C-alpha atoms as a PDB file:
ATOM      1  CA  MET A   1     -21.940  -3.418   7.475  1.00  0.00           C
ATOM      2  CA  GLU A   2     -22.381  -2.750   3.773  1.00  0.00           C
ATOM      3  CA  ASP A   3     -20.745  -5.437   1.608  1.00  0.00           C
ATOM      4  CA  PHE A   4     -19.644  -4.121  -1.789  1.00  0.00           C
ATOM      5  CA  TRP A   5     -19.123  -7.551  -3.319  1.00  0.00           C
ATOM      6  CA  LYS A   6     -22.637  -8.648  -2.356  1.00  0.00           C
ATOM      7  CA  LEU A   7     -24.151  -5.393  -3.600  1.00  0.00           C
ATOM      8  CA  ILE A   8     -22.355  -5.474  -6.946  1.00  0.00           C
ATOM      9  CA  SER A   9     -23.299  -9.124  -7.487  1.00  0.00           C
ATOM     10  CA  GLU A  10     -27.000  -8.366  -7.005  1.00  0.00           C
ATOM     11  CA  THR A  11     -27.390  -4.999  -8.718  1.00  0.00           C
ATOM     12  CA  LYS A  12     -29.266  -4.543 -11.996  1.00  0.00           C
ATOM     13  CA  ARG A  13     -27.768  -1.103 -12.574  1.00  0.00           C
ATOM     14  CA  PRO A  14     -25.133  -0.475 -15.274  1.00  0.00           C
ATOM     15  CA  ILE A  15     -21.570  -0.814 -13.980  1.00  0.00           C
ATOM     16  CA  VAL A  16     -18.884   1.417 -15.474  1.00  0.00           C
ATOM     17  CA  LEU A  17     -15.214   0.722 -14.868  1.00  0.00           C
ATOM     18  CA  TYR A  18     -13.063   3.798 -14.148  1.00  0.00           C
ATOM     19  CA  GLY A  19      -9.484   3.010 -15.193  1.00  0.00           C
ATOM     20  CA  THR A  20      -7.554   1.070 -17.836  1.00  0.00           C
ATOM     21  CA  GLY A  21      -4.405  -0.244 -16.144  1.00  0.00           C
ATOM     22  CA  ASN A  22      -3.323  -3.434 -14.399  1.00  0.00           C
ATOM     23  CA  ALA A  23      -5.595  -2.850 -11.404  1.00  0.00           C
ATOM     24  CA  ALA A  24      -8.557  -2.393 -13.761  1.00  0.00           C
ATOM     25  CA  GLU A  25      -7.686  -5.668 -15.480  1.00  0.00           C
ATOM     26  CA  ARG A  26      -7.662  -7.446 -12.139  1.00  0.00           C
ATOM     27  CA  LEU A  27     -10.920  -5.804 -11.053  1.00  0.00           C
ATOM     28  CA  VAL A  28     -12.710  -6.897 -14.236  1.00  0.00           C
ATOM     29  CA  ASP A  29     -11.543 -10.473 -13.613  1.00  0.00           C
ATOM     30  CA  LEU A  30     -12.691 -10.409  -9.970  1.00  0.00           C
ATOM     31  CA  LEU A  31     -16.108  -9.118 -11.018  1.00  0.00           C
ATOM     32  CA  ALA A  32     -16.395 -11.728 -13.784  1.00  0.00           C
ATOM     33  CA  LYS A  33     -15.606 -14.447 -11.238  1.00  0.00           C
ATOM     34  CA  ARG A  34     -18.786 -13.387  -9.453  1.00  0.00           C
ATOM     35  CA  GLY A  35     -20.835 -13.293 -12.627  1.00  0.00           C
ATOM     36  CA  VAL A  36     -20.745  -9.484 -12.826  1.00  0.00           C
ATOM     37  CA  ARG A  37     -20.388  -7.966 -16.290  1.00  0.00           C
ATOM     38  CA  VAL A  38     -19.066  -4.442 -16.754  1.00  0.00           C
ATOM     39  CA  SER A  39     -21.265  -2.268 -19.001  1.00  0.00           C
ATOM     40  CA  GLY A  40     -18.629   0.239 -20.054  1.00  0.00           C
ATOM     41  CA  CYS A  41     -15.269   1.827 -19.345  1.00  0.00           C
ATOM     42  CA  MET A  42     -14.259   5.406 -18.654  1.00  0.00           C
ATOM     43  CA  ALA A  43     -11.101   7.381 -17.954  1.00  0.00           C
ATOM     44  CA  SER A  44     -10.179  10.866 -16.840  1.00  0.00           C
ATOM     45  CA  ASP A  45     -10.507  13.387 -19.654  1.00  0.00           C
ATOM     46  CA  ASP A  46      -6.745  13.555 -20.299  1.00  0.00           C
ATOM     47  CA  PHE A  47      -6.579   9.776 -20.833  1.00  0.00           C
ATOM     48  CA  VAL A  48      -9.651   9.112 -22.989  1.00  0.00           C
ATOM     49  CA  ARG A  49      -8.275   9.554 -26.514  1.00  0.00           C
ATOM     50  CA  GLU A  50      -9.418   7.122 -29.225  1.00  0.00           C
ATOM     51  CA  ARG A  51      -8.756   3.776 -27.587  1.00  0.00           C
ATOM     52  CA  SER A  52     -10.394   0.730 -26.090  1.00  0.00           C
ATOM     53  CA  PHE A  53      -9.947  -1.468 -23.016  1.00  0.00           C
ATOM     54  CA  ARG A  54     -11.097  -5.085 -22.793  1.00  0.00           C
ATOM     55  CA  ASN A  55     -13.198  -4.510 -25.933  1.00  0.00           C
ATOM     56  CA  TYR A  56     -14.892  -1.457 -24.399  1.00  0.00           C
ATOM     57  CA  ARG A  57     -14.471   1.943 -25.955  1.00  0.00           C
ATOM     58  CA  VAL A  58     -12.911   4.244 -23.355  1.00  0.00           C
ATOM     59  CA  LEU A  59     -15.339   7.055 -22.544  1.00  0.00           C
ATOM     60  CA  SER A  60     -15.160  10.346 -20.701  1.00  0.00           C
ATOM     61  CA  PHE A  61     -17.230  10.699 -17.534  1.00  0.00           C
ATOM     62  CA  GLU A  62     -19.736  12.970 -19.253  1.00  0.00           C
ATOM     63  CA  ARG A  63     -20.093  10.599 -22.210  1.00  0.00           C
ATOM     64  CA  ALA A  64     -20.603   7.663 -19.835  1.00  0.00           C
ATOM     65  CA  ARG A  65     -23.386   9.628 -18.113  1.00  0.00           C
ATOM     66  CA  GLN A  66     -25.055  10.276 -21.447  1.00  0.00           C
ATOM     67  CA  ILE A  67     -24.997   6.579 -22.326  1.00  0.00           C
ATOM     68  CA  PHE A  68     -25.708   4.926 -18.966  1.00  0.00           C
ATOM     69  CA  GLY A  69     -27.427   7.712 -17.014  1.00  0.00           C
ATOM     70  CA  ASP A  70     -26.888   8.978 -13.479  1.00  0.00           C
ATOM     71  CA  ASP A  71     -28.035   5.614 -12.125  1.00  0.00           C
ATOM     72  CA  MET A  72     -24.776   3.960 -13.226  1.00  0.00           C
ATOM     73  CA  ILE A  73     -22.380   2.524 -10.650  1.00  0.00           C
ATOM     74  CA  ILE A  74     -18.742   3.548 -11.136  1.00  0.00           C
ATOM     75  CA  VAL A  75     -16.065   1.151  -9.863  1.00  0.00           C
ATOM     76  CA  LEU A  76     -12.580   2.602  -9.532  1.00  0.00           C
ATOM     77  CA  GLY A  77      -9.831   0.477 -11.058  1.00  0.00           C
ATOM     78  CA  PHE A  78      -6.686   2.471 -10.248  1.00  0.00           C
ATOM     79  CA  GLY A  79      -5.041   4.241  -7.349  1.00  0.00           C
ATOM     80  CA  SER A  80      -3.404   7.612  -6.825  1.00  0.00           C
ATOM     81  CA  HIS A  81      -1.694   9.813  -4.253  1.00  0.00           C
ATOM     82  CA  ASP A  82      -2.014  12.861  -6.515  1.00  0.00           C
ATOM     83  CA  SER A  83      -4.197  15.529  -4.910  1.00  0.00           C
ATOM     84  CA  LYS A  84      -5.662  16.674  -8.253  1.00  0.00           C
ATOM     85  CA  VAL A  85      -6.608  13.117  -9.200  1.00  0.00           C
ATOM     86  CA  ILE A  86      -8.140  12.530  -5.769  1.00  0.00           C
ATOM     87  CA  GLU A  87     -10.161  15.734  -6.036  1.00  0.00           C
ATOM     88  CA  ASN A  88     -11.499  14.596  -9.404  1.00  0.00           C
ATOM     89  CA  ILE A  89     -12.491  11.229  -7.923  1.00  0.00           C
ATOM     90  CA  LYS A  90     -14.275  13.030  -5.089  1.00  0.00           C
ATOM     91  CA  LYS A  91     -16.089  15.241  -7.603  1.00  0.00           C
ATOM     92  CA  ILE A  92     -17.324  12.228  -9.555  1.00  0.00           C
ATOM     93  CA  ALA A  93     -18.353  10.478  -6.318  1.00  0.00           C
ATOM     94  CA  ALA A  94     -20.455  13.507  -5.416  1.00  0.00           C
ATOM     95  CA  GLU A  95     -22.384  13.185  -8.695  1.00  0.00           C
ATOM     96  CA  CYS A  96     -22.660   9.398  -9.121  1.00  0.00           C
ATOM     97  CA  ASP A  97     -22.476   6.238  -7.040  1.00  0.00           C
ATOM     98  CA  LEU A  98     -18.738   5.467  -6.917  1.00  0.00           C
ATOM     99  CA  TYR A  99     -16.965   2.548  -5.263  1.00  0.00           C
ATOM    100  CA  ALA A 100     -13.227   1.924  -4.938  1.00  0.00           C
ATOM    101  CA  PRO A 101     -13.003  -1.794  -4.126  1.00  0.00           C
ATOM    102  CA  ASP A 102      -9.996  -3.346  -2.449  1.00  0.00           C
ATOM    103  CA  ILE A 103      -8.736  -5.966  -4.906  1.00  0.00           C
ATOM    104  CA  LEU A 104      -6.418  -7.815  -2.518  1.00  0.00           C
ATOM    105  CA  THR A 105      -7.207 -11.514  -2.320  1.00  0.00           C
ATOM    106  CA  CYS A 106      -6.185 -14.408  -0.115  1.00  0.00           C
ATOM    107  CA  GLU A 107      -4.590 -17.603  -1.410  1.00  0.00           C
ATOM    108  CA  ASP A 108      -7.904 -19.116  -2.485  1.00  0.00           C
ATOM    109  CA  GLY A 109      -8.773 -15.988  -4.479  1.00  0.00           C
ATOM    110  CA  ASN A 110     -11.395 -14.623  -2.090  1.00  0.00           C
ATOM    111  CA  VAL A 111     -11.673 -10.912  -1.396  1.00  0.00           C
ATOM    112  CA  PHE A 112     -12.284  -9.022   1.847  1.00  0.00           C
ATOM    113  CA  ASP A 113     -16.062  -9.394   1.988  1.00  0.00           C
ATOM    114  CA  SER A 114     -18.443  -9.958   4.919  1.00  0.00           C
ATOM    115  CA  GLU A 115     -17.706 -13.698   4.890  1.00  0.00           C
ATOM    116  CA  TYR A 116     -13.953 -13.076   5.094  1.00  0.00           C
ATOM    117  CA  TYR A 117     -14.536 -10.513   7.841  1.00  0.00           C
ATOM    118  CA  GLU A 118     -16.511 -12.984   9.949  1.00  0.00           C
ATOM    119  CA  LYS A 119     -13.910 -15.693   9.423  1.00  0.00           C
ATOM    120  CA  HIS A 120     -11.122 -13.420  10.667  1.00  0.00           C
ATOM    121  CA  SER A 121     -13.022 -11.354  13.224  1.00  0.00           C
ATOM    122  CA  LYS A 122     -10.863 -12.591  16.118  1.00  0.00           C
ATOM    123  CA  ASP A 123      -7.671 -11.723  14.210  1.00  0.00           C
ATOM    124  CA  ILE A 124      -9.069  -8.256  13.500  1.00  0.00           C
ATOM    125  CA  GLU A 125     -10.078  -7.710  17.134  1.00  0.00           C
ATOM    126  CA  TRP A 126      -6.634  -8.842  18.316  1.00  0.00           C
ATOM    127  CA  ALA A 127      -4.812  -6.451  15.964  1.00  0.00           C
ATOM    128  CA  ARG A 128      -7.051  -3.575  17.065  1.00  0.00           C
ATOM    129  CA  SER A 129      -6.319  -4.351  20.725  1.00  0.00           C
ATOM    130  CA  LEU A 130      -2.614  -3.602  20.125  1.00  0.00           C
ATOM    131  CA  LEU A 131      -3.260   0.019  19.148  1.00  0.00           C
ATOM    132  CA  CYS A 132      -2.182   2.612  21.695  1.00  0.00           C
ATOM    133  CA  ASP A 133      -4.333   5.663  20.974  1.00  0.00           C
ATOM    134  CA  GLU A 134      -7.879   6.487  19.925  1.00  0.00           C
ATOM    135  CA  GLU A 135      -6.765   7.938  16.593  1.00  0.00           C
ATOM    136  CA  SER A 136      -5.152   4.616  15.656  1.00  0.00           C
ATOM    137  CA  LYS A 137      -8.336   2.753  16.541  1.00  0.00           C
ATOM    138  CA  ARG A 138     -10.393   5.207  14.501  1.00  0.00           C
ATOM    139  CA  VAL A 139      -8.093   4.748  11.486  1.00  0.00           C
ATOM    140  CA  PHE A 140      -8.243   0.968  11.904  1.00  0.00           C
ATOM    141  CA  ASP A 141     -12.050   0.962  12.094  1.00  0.00           C
ATOM    142  CA  ARG A 142     -12.436   3.187   9.037  1.00  0.00           C
ATOM    143  CA  GLU A 143     -10.086   0.928   7.063  1.00  0.00           C
ATOM    144  CA  ILE A 144     -12.161  -2.150   7.891  1.00  0.00           C
ATOM    145  CA  GLU A 145     -15.343  -0.287   6.955  1.00  0.00           C
ATOM    146  CA  TYR A 146     -13.735   0.783   3.689  1.00  0.00           C
ATOM    147  CA  ARG A 147     -12.618  -2.732   2.800  1.00  0.00           C
ATOM    148  CA  LEU A 148     -16.151  -4.028   3.264  1.00  0.00           C
ATOM    149  CA  SER A 149     -18.057  -1.170   1.644  1.00  0.00           C
ATOM    150  CA  ALA A 150     -15.507   0.177  -0.919  1.00  0.00           C
ATOM    151  CA  ARG A 151     -16.721   3.676  -0.008  1.00  0.00           C
ATOM    152  CA  ILE A 152     -14.008   6.337  -0.262  1.00  0.00           C
ATOM    153  CA  ASP A 153     -15.618   8.401   2.507  1.00  0.00           C
ATOM    154  CA  HIS A 154     -14.095   6.044   5.065  1.00  0.00           C
ATOM    155  CA  LEU A 155     -10.607   6.681   3.647  1.00  0.00           C
ATOM    156  CA  ILE A 156     -11.023  10.437   3.548  1.00  0.00           C
ATOM    157  CA  GLU A 157     -12.355  10.593   7.109  1.00  0.00           C
ATOM    158  CA  CYS A 158      -9.182   9.140   8.641  1.00  0.00           C
ATOM    159  CA  GLU A 159      -6.332  10.525   6.511  1.00  0.00           C
ATOM    160  CA  SER A 160      -3.538  12.705   7.857  1.00  0.00           C
ATOM    161  CA  PRO A 161      -0.384  14.149   6.231  1.00  0.00           C
ATOM    162  CA  GLU A 162       2.492  11.684   5.999  1.00  0.00           C
ATOM    163  CA  GLY A 163       4.978  14.178   7.426  1.00  0.00           C
ATOM    164  CA  GLU A 164       2.710  14.679  10.429  1.00  0.00           C
ATOM    165  CA  ASN A 165       2.482  10.929  10.969  1.00  0.00           C
ATOM    166  CA  TRP A 166       6.259  10.563  11.131  1.00  0.00           C
ATOM    167  CA  LYS A 167       6.324  12.700  14.271  1.00  0.00           C
ATOM    168  CA  LEU A 168       5.268   9.527  16.082  1.00  0.00           C
ATOM    169  CA  LEU A 169       8.837   8.249  15.612  1.00  0.00           C
ATOM    170  CA  ASN A 170      10.335  11.071  17.707  1.00  0.00           C
ATOM    171  CA  ILE A 171      13.402  11.140  15.444  1.00  0.00           C
ATOM    172  CA  GLY A 172      16.589  12.148  17.257  1.00  0.00           C
ATOM    173  CA  PRO A 173      20.096  13.277  16.211  1.00  0.00           C
ATOM    174  CA  ASP A 174      21.828   9.871  16.311  1.00  0.00           C
ATOM    175  CA  GLU A 175      19.494   7.607  14.349  1.00  0.00           C
ATOM    176  CA  ALA A 176      20.634   4.782  12.086  1.00  0.00           C
ATOM    177  CA  PHE A 177      17.872   4.821   9.468  1.00  0.00           C
ATOM    178  CA  MET A 178      17.274   1.890   7.101  1.00  0.00           C
ATOM    179  CA  ASP A 179      14.946   2.656   4.197  1.00  0.00           C
ATOM    180  CA  LEU A 180      13.556  -0.547   2.686  1.00  0.00           C
ATOM    181  CA  GLY A 181      11.953   0.335  -0.618  1.00  0.00           C
ATOM    182  CA  ALA A 182      13.804   3.631  -0.911  1.00  0.00           C
ATOM    183  CA  TYR A 183      12.439   4.456  -4.398  1.00  0.00           C
ATOM    184  CA  ASN A 184      14.138   7.702  -5.489  1.00  0.00           C
ATOM    185  CA  GLY A 185      15.130   8.896  -2.027  1.00  0.00           C
ATOM    186  CA  ASP A 186      11.857  10.601  -1.113  1.00  0.00           C
ATOM    187  CA  THR A 187      11.620   8.906   2.284  1.00  0.00           C
ATOM    188  CA  ILE A 188      15.240   9.751   3.049  1.00  0.00           C
ATOM    189  CA  ARG A 189      14.386  13.392   2.396  1.00  0.00           C
ATOM    190  CA  ARG A 190      11.465  13.083   4.795  1.00  0.00           C
ATOM    191  CA  PHE A 191      13.743  11.551   7.437  1.00  0.00           C
ATOM    192  CA  LEU A 192      16.260  14.388   7.001  1.00  0.00           C
ATOM    193  CA  SER A 193      13.487  16.959   7.436  1.00  0.00           C
ATOM    194  CA  PHE A 194      13.335  15.854  11.090  1.00  0.00           C
ATOM    195  CA  THR A 195      17.052  15.891  11.905  1.00  0.00           C
ATOM    196  CA  ASP A 196      20.251  17.580  10.750  1.00  0.00           C
ATOM    197  CA  THR A 197      22.498  14.818  12.064  1.00  0.00           C
ATOM    198  CA  TYR A 198      22.382  11.047  12.031  1.00  0.00           C
ATOM    199  CA  GLU A 199      24.632   8.042  12.562  1.00  0.00           C
ATOM    200  CA  HIS A 200      24.035   6.318   9.219  1.00  0.00           C
ATOM    201  CA  ILE A 201      21.534   5.903   6.405  1.00  0.00           C
ATOM    202  CA  TYR A 202      21.042   2.540   4.692  1.00  0.00           C
ATOM    203  CA  ALA A 203      18.834   2.545   1.593  1.00  0.00           C
ATOM    204  CA  VAL A 204      17.593  -0.532  -0.278  1.00  0.00           C
ATOM    205  CA  GLU A 205      16.005  -0.255  -3.732  1.00  0.00           C
ATOM    206  CA  PRO A 206      15.769  -3.248  -6.107  1.00  0.00           C
ATOM    207  CA  ASP A 207      14.461  -1.524  -9.248  1.00  0.00           C
ATOM    208  CA  ARG A 208      17.404  -0.439 -11.410  1.00  0.00           C
ATOM    209  CA  ARG A 209      15.754   2.751 -12.692  1.00  0.00           C
ATOM    210  CA  ASN A 210      14.720   3.861  -9.243  1.00  0.00           C
ATOM    211  CA  TYR A 211      18.132   2.888  -7.908  1.00  0.00           C
ATOM    212  CA  SER A 212      19.801   5.213 -10.427  1.00  0.00           C
ATOM    213  CA  ARG A 213      17.620   8.060  -9.192  1.00  0.00           C
ATOM    214  CA  LEU A 214      18.399   7.097  -5.596  1.00  0.00           C
ATOM    215  CA  VAL A 215      22.146   7.235  -6.312  1.00  0.00           C
ATOM    216  CA  GLU A 216      21.757  10.716  -7.784  1.00  0.00           C
ATOM    217  CA  SER A 217      19.593  12.050  -4.971  1.00  0.00           C
ATOM    218  CA  THR A 218      21.952  10.829  -2.221  1.00  0.00           C
ATOM    219  CA  LYS A 219      25.320  11.593  -3.839  1.00  0.00           C
ATOM    220  CA  ASN A 220      26.044  14.461  -1.445  1.00  0.00           C
ATOM    221  CA  LEU A 221      25.106  12.567   1.731  1.00  0.00           C
ATOM    222  CA  GLU A 222      27.775  11.317   4.105  1.00  0.00           C
ATOM    223  CA  HIS A 223      27.491   7.998   5.944  1.00  0.00           C
ATOM    224  CA  CYS A 224      25.020   6.633   3.400  1.00  0.00           C
ATOM    225  CA  THR A 225      25.126   3.051   2.098  1.00  0.00           C
ATOM    226  CA  LEU A 226      23.001   1.956  -0.852  1.00  0.00           C
ATOM    227  CA  PHE A 227      21.949  -1.578  -1.834  1.00  0.00           C
ATOM    228  CA  ASN A 228      20.531  -2.544  -5.244  1.00  0.00           C
ATOM    229  CA  VAL A 229      18.898  -5.734  -3.946  1.00  0.00           C
ATOM    230  CA  GLY A 230      15.488  -7.012  -2.913  1.00  0.00           C
ATOM    231  CA  ILE A 231      14.549  -7.815   0.671  1.00  0.00           C
ATOM    232  CA  SER A 232      13.737 -11.338   1.811  1.00  0.00           C
ATOM    233  CA  ASP A 233      14.323 -13.627   4.802  1.00  0.00           C
ATOM    234  CA  ARG A 234      17.613 -14.968   3.401  1.00  0.00           C
ATOM    235  CA  ARG A 235      20.057 -14.453   0.553  1.00  0.00           C
ATOM    236  CA  GLU A 236      18.726 -15.871  -2.715  1.00  0.00           C
ATOM    237  CA  GLU A 237      18.334 -15.104  -6.399  1.00  0.00           C
ATOM    238  CA  ARG A 238      14.782 -14.538  -7.625  1.00  0.00           C
ATOM    239  CA  CYS A 239      12.865 -13.091 -10.551  1.00  0.00           C
ATOM    240  CA  PHE A 240      11.965  -9.432 -10.235  1.00  0.00           C
ATOM    241  CA  ALA A 241       9.507  -7.529 -12.433  1.00  0.00           C
ATOM    242  CA  GLN A 242      11.007  -4.133 -13.297  1.00  0.00           C
ATOM    243  CA  LYS A 243       8.153  -1.646 -13.719  1.00  0.00           C
ATOM    244  CA  LYS A 244       7.788   2.092 -13.864  1.00  0.00           C
ATOM    245  CA  GLY A 245       7.548   4.063 -10.617  1.00  0.00           C
ATOM    246  CA  ARG A 246       6.827   2.183  -7.406  1.00  0.00           C
ATOM    247  CA  GLY A 247       5.228  -0.890  -8.959  1.00  0.00           C
ATOM    248  CA  SER A 248       8.263  -3.183  -9.257  1.00  0.00           C
ATOM    249  CA  ASN A 249       7.955  -6.419  -7.299  1.00  0.00           C
ATOM    250  CA  ALA A 250       9.130  -9.992  -6.868  1.00  0.00           C
ATOM    251  CA  ASN A 251       7.475 -12.129  -9.506  1.00  0.00           C
ATOM    252  CA  ASN A 252       7.699 -15.398 -11.382  1.00  0.00           C
ATOM    253  CA  GLN A 253       8.846 -13.482 -14.441  1.00  0.00           C
ATOM    254  CA  GLY A 254      11.400 -10.750 -15.039  1.00  0.00           C
ATOM    255  CA  ASP A 255      15.092 -10.154 -14.483  1.00  0.00           C
ATOM    256  CA  ARG A 256      17.104 -12.204 -12.017  1.00  0.00           C
ATOM    257  CA  LEU A 257      17.952 -10.232  -8.914  1.00  0.00           C
ATOM    258  CA  ILE A 258      19.705 -10.882  -5.617  1.00  0.00           C
ATOM    259  CA  PHE A 259      17.471 -10.755  -2.549  1.00  0.00           C
ATOM    260  CA  ASP A 260      18.923 -10.630   0.936  1.00  0.00           C
ATOM    261  CA  SER A 261      17.885 -10.266   4.562  1.00  0.00           C
ATOM    262  CA  ILE A 262      18.123  -7.126   6.646  1.00  0.00           C
ATOM    263  CA  ASP A 263      20.334  -8.900   9.167  1.00  0.00           C
ATOM    264  CA  ASN A 264      22.759  -9.930   6.417  1.00  0.00           C
ATOM    265  CA  LEU A 265      22.918  -6.426   4.958  1.00  0.00           C
ATOM    266  CA  LEU A 266      23.564  -4.811   8.334  1.00  0.00           C
ATOM    267  CA  CYS A 267      26.155  -7.425   9.396  1.00  0.00           C
ATOM    268  CA  GLY A 268      25.346  -6.843  13.065  1.00  0.00           C
ATOM    269  CA  LYS A 269      25.371  -3.043  12.822  1.00  0.00           C
ATOM    270  CA  ARG A 270      22.674  -1.041  14.560  1.00  0.00           C
ATOM    271  CA  ALA A 271      19.485   0.203  12.958  1.00  0.00           C
ATOM    272  CA  SER A 272      17.327   2.482  15.073  1.00  0.00           C
ATOM    273  CA  ILE A 273      14.567   3.007  12.469  1.00  0.00           C
ATOM    274  CA  LEU A 274      13.346   0.529   9.853  1.00  0.00           C
ATOM    275  CA  LYS A 275      10.933   1.695   7.161  1.00  0.00           C
ATOM    276  CA  PHE A 276       9.231  -1.108   5.223  1.00  0.00           C
ATOM    277  CA  ASP A 277       7.499  -0.497   1.894  1.00  0.00           C
ATOM    278  CA  ILE A 278       8.549  -3.546  -0.094  1.00  0.00           C
ATOM    279  CA  GLU A 279       5.493  -4.488  -2.163  1.00  0.00           C
ATOM    280  CA  GLY A 280       4.178  -7.411  -0.156  1.00  0.00           C
ATOM    281  CA  GLN A 281       7.538  -8.781   1.024  1.00  0.00           C
ATOM    282  CA  GLU A 282       7.079  -7.304   4.511  1.00  0.00           C
ATOM    283  CA  THR A 283       6.541 -10.733   6.080  1.00  0.00           C
ATOM    284  CA  LYS A 284       9.855 -12.092   4.800  1.00  0.00           C
ATOM    285  CA  GLY A 285      11.531  -8.786   5.529  1.00  0.00           C
ATOM    286  CA  LEU A 286      10.556  -8.955   9.194  1.00  0.00           C
ATOM    287  CA  VAL A 287      11.643 -12.589   9.519  1.00  0.00           C
ATOM    288  CA  GLY A 288      15.004 -11.638   8.024  1.00  0.00           C
ATOM    289  CA  ALA A 289      15.397  -8.829  10.561  1.00  0.00           C
ATOM    290  CA  GLU A 290      14.968 -10.969  13.679  1.00  0.00           C
ATOM    291  CA  TYR A 291      18.468 -10.357  15.048  1.00  0.00           C
ATOM    292  CA  THR A 292      18.201  -6.600  14.461  1.00  0.00           C
ATOM    293  CA  ILE A 293      14.747  -6.370  16.037  1.00  0.00           C
ATOM    294  CA  LYS A 294      15.646  -8.460  19.088  1.00  0.00           C
ATOM    295  CA  LYS A 295      18.995  -6.749  19.728  1.00  0.00           C
ATOM    296  CA  TYR A 296      18.300  -3.101  18.856  1.00  0.00           C
ATOM    297  CA  ARG A 297      14.488  -2.733  19.052  1.00  0.00           C
ATOM    298  CA  PRO A 298      14.355  -0.312  16.111  1.00  0.00           C
ATOM    299  CA  LYS A 299      11.373   1.962  15.643  1.00  0.00           C
ATOM    300  CA  MET A 300       9.457   1.006  12.527  1.00  0.00           C
ATOM    301  CA  VAL A 301       7.246   2.350   9.767  1.00  0.00           C
ATOM    302  CA  LEU A 302       5.532  -0.731   8.394  1.00  0.00           C
ATOM    303  CA  SER A 303       3.298  -0.742   5.306  1.00  0.00           C
ATOM    304  CA  ALA A 304       0.154  -2.754   6.086  1.00  0.00           C
ATOM    305  CA  TYR A 305      -1.745  -2.683   2.802  1.00  0.00           C
ATOM    306  CA  HIS A 306       0.049  -4.975   0.347  1.00  0.00           C
ATOM    307  CA  ARG A 307      -1.548  -8.237   1.501  1.00  0.00           C
ATOM    308  CA  ILE A 308      -5.069  -8.966   2.645  1.00  0.00           C
ATOM    309  CA  ASP A 309      -3.982 -10.133   6.117  1.00  0.00           C
ATOM    310  CA  ASP A 310      -1.209  -7.589   6.798  1.00  0.00           C
ATOM    311  CA  PHE A 311      -3.192  -5.949   9.621  1.00  0.00           C
ATOM    312  CA  TRP A 312      -2.781  -8.960  11.887  1.00  0.00           C
ATOM    313  CA  ALA A 313      -0.132 -11.150  10.228  1.00  0.00           C
ATOM    314  CA  LEU A 314       2.648  -8.546  10.504  1.00  0.00           C
ATOM    315  CA  PRO A 315       2.060  -7.701  14.196  1.00  0.00           C
ATOM    316  CA  ARG A 316       2.063 -11.433  15.041  1.00  0.00           C
ATOM    317  CA  ILE A 317       5.565 -11.810  13.590  1.00  0.00           C
ATOM    318  CA  ILE A 318       6.836  -8.821  15.534  1.00  0.00           C
ATOM    319  CA  MET A 319       5.206  -9.835  18.818  1.00  0.00           C
ATOM    320  CA  LYS A 320       6.945 -13.224  18.649  1.00  0.00           C
ATOM    321  CA  MET A 321      10.282 -11.397  18.552  1.00  0.00           C
ATOM    322  CA  ARG A 322       9.519  -8.634  21.061  1.00  0.00           C
ATOM    323  CA  ASP A 323       6.360  -7.856  22.968  1.00  0.00           C
ATOM    324  CA  ASP A 324       7.370  -4.391  24.178  1.00  0.00           C
ATOM    325  CA  TYR A 325       6.433  -2.321  21.099  1.00  0.00           C
ATOM    326  CA  ARG A 326       3.724   0.326  21.107  1.00  0.00           C
ATOM    327  CA  PHE A 327       1.599   0.134  17.951  1.00  0.00           C
ATOM    328  CA  TYR A 328       0.039   3.091  16.153  1.00  0.00           C
ATOM    329  CA  MET A 329      -1.739   3.236  12.799  1.00  0.00           C
ATOM    330  CA  ARG A 330      -2.073   6.134  10.380  1.00  0.00           C
ATOM    331  CA  HIS A 331      -3.399   6.622   6.833  1.00  0.00           C
ATOM    332  CA  SER A 332      -1.814   9.125   4.444  1.00  0.00           C
ATOM    333  CA  PRO A 333      -3.935  10.618   1.622  1.00  0.00           C
ATOM    334  CA  CYS A 334      -4.488   8.039  -1.123  1.00  0.00           C
ATOM    335  CA  ILE A 335      -7.354   6.342  -2.949  1.00  0.00           C
ATOM    336  CA  PRO A 336      -7.874   3.387  -2.677  1.00  0.00           C
ATOM    337  CA  ALA A 337      -6.528   1.982   0.606  1.00  0.00           C
ATOM    338  CA  TRP A 338      -2.810   2.319   0.068  1.00  0.00           C
ATOM    339  CA  GLU A 339      -0.682   4.137   2.618  1.00  0.00           C
ATOM    340  CA  TYR A 340      -1.965   2.447   5.744  1.00  0.00           C
ATOM    341  CA  ASP A 341       1.076   2.173   7.993  1.00  0.00           C
ATOM    342  CA  TYR A 342       1.889   0.806  11.401  1.00  0.00           C
ATOM    343  CA  PHE A 343       4.210   3.029  13.405  1.00  0.00           C
ATOM    344  CA  LEU A 344       6.052   1.019  16.058  1.00  0.00           C
ATOM    345  CA  VAL A 345       7.840   2.861  18.856  1.00  0.00           C
END
């Protein structure tokens, strides 16, 4: 399989970074660790302006082509769900060599390259063996190919609408839905698009700005309980980085915030659906839901893209609690490889 990190380390072609945010910062550092120097930086036309990034003047795509030529390699340093942004990325990829590398790393700082793939091949094969339909296996295979090659074609080939994917849950009229990482209530709205009645909705959102929006969006809902806490495997106080949008996460810096387990929040009450999107805390979240999972066997939507080993580490935790789940995998439209979810039924 094509290995992006090997290719980029050996190329003599000019490398142009596309993006100027936190992900771009991290990408530049990962490239520098491998002795790779970026030649320039570009942004979408609306974000060029007169500014610089890491001592590079921020260029438009057309200006970057004039300077570096069509032989330049573009490396994407941001992510988006926005259809217009994705279409622009596709357009650029059709005209120049574009890569969207996965910047997740393991504890020793290594990325998902061919060496990492070989080291964890048995873990990968085991996770794939859990999948219950051919579409899930196809999505899984394309994700692995993407992580190695950083080619967006593999992402595009296996995407499907998020609302369509939720049909796997077979949502009924008496569900007790727990939304972990509820943001502004968008997933609750998706849940309600499948049913007019429900037993209860529990929504957890740690970010104070998002929580305010969640309160507003759910104010007319009955049987709805909101929690302004983070999710962990036990009750504790931790630092939490408050950021705009969906980027808030547990960190070594930031405001102090209460974190608690799912079992503690539910106090023995039933949950029939758990949706996890908690910025890399899924492992602790599952451990803290052991009683709920063992007793009620809730269906789950489980984000599997926040940590480099989520594909196999998360199923291992679940299988130790119950071995009677059916595993599916789907990818909703997004570049790079966000929105890869396990659906457990």
